[in-house]
Structures are given as structure tokens and as C-alpha cells.
Amino acid sequence: MKIDKKILPYVIAAFFILVIIVATLFSSYKNEIINAGIFITTVILALVGYIQLEALRVQSRADFLFRFENEFFHDEIVQEIMVVIDENESLLKKNGGKFTGYDLDNYIGYFESMGRYEKDGIIDFEFIDDIFGHYIFQAWQNKEISDYVDWLREDMNDPRYYEFFQKLAKRVIDKKNNLGI
């Protein structure tokens, strides 16, 4: 008989409760058995609670990742920017493109957020690299984007602008280089 790992803690808890009930019926040490049973049952229920919270955390993380990925790939401006970068055309209006600095901020803002989420342990690098690595690589290699980031850092007198995007891009590039791609 095979028991599903998800219900195993519940089966164990039910078994211990049954054993405690039977033991108290046929023993002269009823109070001691009841106290020990309450302790064991409490420990088992705490374990069950932990398992449920862990399952909820995993489900929550998966939902977050799904929504984040879906939002990125269904944002019209992001899609248009990806095409322009892919075709090596001008991005910004001042260079003959069709996008504003705000549009570019929206695009590279996703990568900045990814870098921050990765640093905070919300998403892992492998997920980012598998799904978004190509776009991060292309964005960081794009001259207009790197010039825009440099200009923004200088204009705002803050070298931290898009630092998480930069760190993430360097890791993606290093991984690509290590794999010989």
C-alpha cells in the first residue's frame, strides 16, 4: 500500500490520536498518557502546519513568477522594444526611434526588478536566465540602452541607477561565456 507523501503527516497524526485513545481506555496511567498524547499530537500538528505553509509558499511563488512572466511578454511596449532591439534599429525618439525614456525605463525596469528579486531570494537566477536571459543580454549589449543608463546615472548624479540590471546582465553574460555561447 502506497501512501501519498502529502497525506502522510495526517495519517500519522490520526494514528497517534487513536493510539492515545486506546491506551487511555486500558491503562491506569490515564493522565500521563493523555499529557504525552497531547504533546505528541501538538508536535505532529505543528509539522502539518509547517508543511502546509511551505506548500502555500511554493504555490505563491509559482503564481508570482507566472504573473511576472505573463506581464513582461504581454506588455505592448516591451514587445515593440524587443523587436527593435532584435532588428538593431534606433530605440529613442532623439535617435530616430519611436520610444521615450519612460518607455525604455519600463523595459529595463523589468530587468532591474528581476535583479532585485533575485538578490532578495524571491526568484532564482536559473529561472531568470532560462526565461529572460536572451532579452537581458540583448538589452545590456544595446548601445542606446547602455548610453541611456550612463546618461541617467550622470544626470541624476547617482551611479546606482539600474545597478541590479547591470549585475544581472553581467551574470548572464558570464554564464554565456562560460558555456561558450
Protein backbone atom coordinates (compact mmCIF):
# COMPACT_ATOMS: atom_id res chain seq x y z
CA MET A 1 0.00 0.00 0.00
CA LYS A 2 1.46 3.33 -1.08
CA ILE A 3 0.59 6.46 0.92
CA ASP A 4 0.82 9.87 -0.71
CA LYS A 5 3.55 11.98 0.92
CA LYS A 6 1.13 14.89 1.19
CA ILE A 7 -1.25 13.00 3.47
CA LEU A 8 1.38 11.09 5.46
CA PRO A 9 1.50 13.63 8.36
CA TYR A 10 -2.30 13.47 8.65
CA VAL A 11 -2.23 9.66 8.74
CA ILE A 12 0.45 9.72 11.44
CA ALA A 13 -1.49 12.27 13.50
CA ALA A 14 -4.69 10.22 13.23
CA PHE A 15 -2.77 7.06 14.20
CA PHE A 16 -1.30 8.69 17.32
CA ILE A 17 -4.66 10.05 18.39
CA LEU A 18 -6.17 6.58 18.01
CA VAL A 19 -3.30 5.01 19.99
CA ILE A 20 -3.77 7.59 22.76
CA ILE A 21 -7.50 6.90 22.98
CA VAL A 22 -6.97 3.14 23.12
CA ALA A 23 -4.11 3.44 25.66
CA THR A 24 -6.18 5.60 27.99
CA LEU A 25 -9.05 3.12 27.92
CA PHE A 26 -6.87 0.22 29.11
CA SER A 27 -4.34 1.92 31.39
CA SER A 28 -4.19 3.13 34.95
CA TYR A 29 -1.83 5.97 33.85
CA LYS A 30 -4.53 7.90 32.00
CA ASN A 31 -3.30 11.43 32.87
CA GLU A 32 0.30 10.69 31.87
CA ILE A 33 -0.81 9.10 28.61
CA ILE A 34 -3.15 11.99 27.85
CA ASN A 35 -0.40 14.57 28.55
CA ALA A 36 2.12 12.70 26.41
CA GLY A 37 -0.50 12.29 23.70
CA ILE A 38 -1.33 15.98 23.72
CA PHE A 39 2.37 16.80 23.40
CA ILE A 40 2.93 14.35 20.53
CA THR A 41 -0.24 15.48 18.76
CA THR A 42 0.78 19.12 19.12
CA VAL A 43 4.19 18.41 17.60
CA ILE A 44 2.62 16.50 14.72
CA LEU A 45 0.05 19.23 14.08
CA ALA A 46 2.83 21.84 14.10
CA LEU A 47 4.65 19.75 11.50
CA VAL A 48 1.48 19.53 9.41
CA GLY A 49 1.09 23.32 9.68
CA TYR A 50 4.66 23.83 8.55
CA ILE A 51 4.16 21.51 5.57
CA GLN A 52 1.00 23.39 4.60
CA LEU A 53 2.73 26.76 4.89
CA GLU A 54 5.62 25.51 2.74
CA ALA A 55 3.18 24.27 0.09
CA LEU A 56 1.43 27.64 0.17
CA ARG A 57 4.77 29.44 -0.21
CA VAL A 58 5.68 27.31 -3.23
CA GLN A 59 2.27 27.93 -4.80
CA SER A 60 2.52 31.66 -4.13
CA ARG A 61 5.97 31.84 -5.68
CA ALA A 62 4.82 29.93 -8.76
CA ASP A 63 1.85 32.28 -9.12
CA PHE A 64 4.10 35.33 -8.80
CA LEU A 65 6.52 34.01 -11.41
CA PHE A 66 3.68 33.18 -13.80
CA ARG A 67 2.16 36.65 -13.46
CA PHE A 68 5.54 38.38 -13.79
CA GLU A 69 6.46 36.43 -16.92
CA ASN A 70 2.99 36.93 -18.39
CA GLU A 71 3.08 40.67 -17.75
CA PHE A 72 6.51 41.05 -19.34
CA PHE A 73 5.66 39.15 -22.51
CA HIS A 74 2.23 40.77 -22.95
CA ASP A 75 3.28 44.39 -22.46
CA GLU A 76 2.92 46.03 -25.89
CA ILE A 77 5.79 48.49 -25.44
CA VAL A 78 8.07 45.69 -24.21
CA GLN A 79 7.18 43.61 -27.27
CA GLU A 80 7.88 46.52 -29.61
CA ILE A 81 11.19 47.30 -27.92
CA MET A 82 12.24 43.64 -28.18
CA VAL A 83 11.60 43.73 -31.93
CA VAL A 84 13.51 46.99 -32.40
CA ILE A 85 16.48 45.67 -30.42
CA ASP A 86 16.35 42.40 -32.37
CA GLU A 87 16.40 44.29 -35.66
CA ASN A 88 19.18 46.59 -34.40
CA GLU A 89 17.18 49.75 -35.08
CA SER A 90 17.09 53.02 -33.14
CA LEU A 91 15.08 53.00 -29.95
CA LEU A 92 14.82 56.54 -28.64
CA LYS A 93 12.99 59.35 -30.43
CA LYS A 94 16.03 61.59 -30.21
CA ASN A 95 17.91 58.98 -32.29
CA GLY A 96 15.15 58.47 -34.86
CA GLY A 97 13.34 55.73 -32.92
CA LYS A 98 9.81 55.80 -31.57
CA PHE A 99 10.32 55.36 -27.82
CA THR A 100 10.70 57.80 -24.96
CA GLY A 101 12.97 57.47 -21.98
CA TYR A 102 9.90 56.43 -19.99
CA ASP A 103 9.31 53.55 -22.41
CA LEU A 104 12.92 52.48 -22.01
CA ASP A 105 12.62 52.77 -18.22
CA ASN A 106 9.59 50.49 -18.38
CA TYR A 107 11.52 47.91 -20.40
CA ILE A 108 14.76 47.84 -18.44
CA GLY A 109 12.78 48.32 -15.23
CA TYR A 110 11.65 44.72 -15.58
CA PHE A 111 15.29 43.61 -15.56
CA GLU A 112 16.06 45.87 -12.63
CA SER A 113 13.17 44.30 -10.72
CA MET A 114 14.35 40.80 -11.64
CA GLY A 115 17.82 41.59 -10.33
CA ARG A 116 16.37 42.90 -7.10
CA TYR A 117 14.03 39.92 -6.71
CA GLU A 118 16.93 37.57 -7.33
CA LYS A 119 19.08 39.35 -4.75
CA ASP A 120 16.24 39.08 -2.22
CA GLY A 121 15.76 35.37 -2.95
CA ILE A 122 12.29 35.74 -4.42
CA ILE A 123 13.30 34.27 -7.77
CA ASP A 124 16.40 32.35 -8.67
CA PHE A 125 18.99 33.16 -11.30
CA GLU A 126 18.35 29.97 -13.27
CA PHE A 127 14.71 30.95 -13.81
CA ILE A 128 15.70 34.45 -14.88
CA ASP A 129 18.39 33.17 -17.23
CA ASP A 130 16.18 30.48 -18.76
CA ILE A 131 13.23 32.76 -19.46
CA PHE A 132 14.72 36.25 -19.79
CA GLY A 133 18.48 35.76 -20.28
CA HIS A 134 18.35 36.41 -24.02
CA TYR A 135 16.50 39.70 -23.56
CA ILE A 136 18.73 40.81 -20.69
CA PHE A 137 21.81 40.03 -22.79
CA GLN A 138 20.47 41.93 -25.80
CA ALA A 139 19.39 44.91 -23.72
CA TRP A 140 22.74 45.23 -21.95
CA GLN A 141 24.63 44.91 -25.23
CA ASN A 142 22.47 47.57 -26.90
CA LYS A 143 24.45 50.81 -27.27
CA GLU A 144 21.43 53.08 -26.86
CA ILE A 145 20.40 51.37 -23.65
CA SER A 146 23.90 51.45 -22.18
CA ASP A 147 24.24 55.13 -23.19
CA TYR A 148 20.83 55.85 -21.63
CA VAL A 149 21.82 54.15 -18.36
CA ASP A 150 25.12 56.06 -18.31
CA TRP A 151 23.33 59.35 -19.03
CA LEU A 152 20.72 58.68 -16.35
CA ARG A 153 23.38 57.89 -13.75
CA GLU A 154 25.26 61.06 -14.62
CA ASP A 155 22.15 63.25 -14.88
CA MET A 156 20.79 62.05 -11.53
CA ASN A 157 24.28 62.02 -10.02
CA ASP A 158 23.58 58.50 -8.78
CA PRO A 159 25.67 55.56 -10.03
CA ARG A 160 23.15 53.11 -8.52
CA TYR A 161 20.55 53.59 -11.27
CA TYR A 162 19.90 50.16 -12.80
CA GLU A 163 22.65 48.55 -10.75
CA PHE A 164 20.62 45.35 -10.32
CA PHE A 165 20.05 45.19 -14.09
CA GLN A 166 23.79 45.66 -14.62
CA LYS A 167 24.75 42.94 -12.13
CA LEU A 168 22.19 40.58 -13.60
CA ALA A 169 23.35 41.28 -17.16
CA LYS A 170 26.96 40.61 -16.20
CA ARG A 171 25.98 37.26 -14.66
CA VAL A 172 24.02 36.32 -17.79
CA ILE A 173 26.98 37.30 -19.98
CA ASP A 174 29.44 35.41 -17.75
CA LYS A 175 27.28 32.30 -17.91
CA LYS A 176 27.03 32.60 -21.69
CA ASN A 177 30.81 32.97 -21.94
CA ASN A 178 31.43 30.02 -19.61
CA LEU A 179 29.16 27.85 -21.74
CA GLY A 180 30.94 29.05 -24.88
CA ILE A 181 27.79 30.50 -26.43
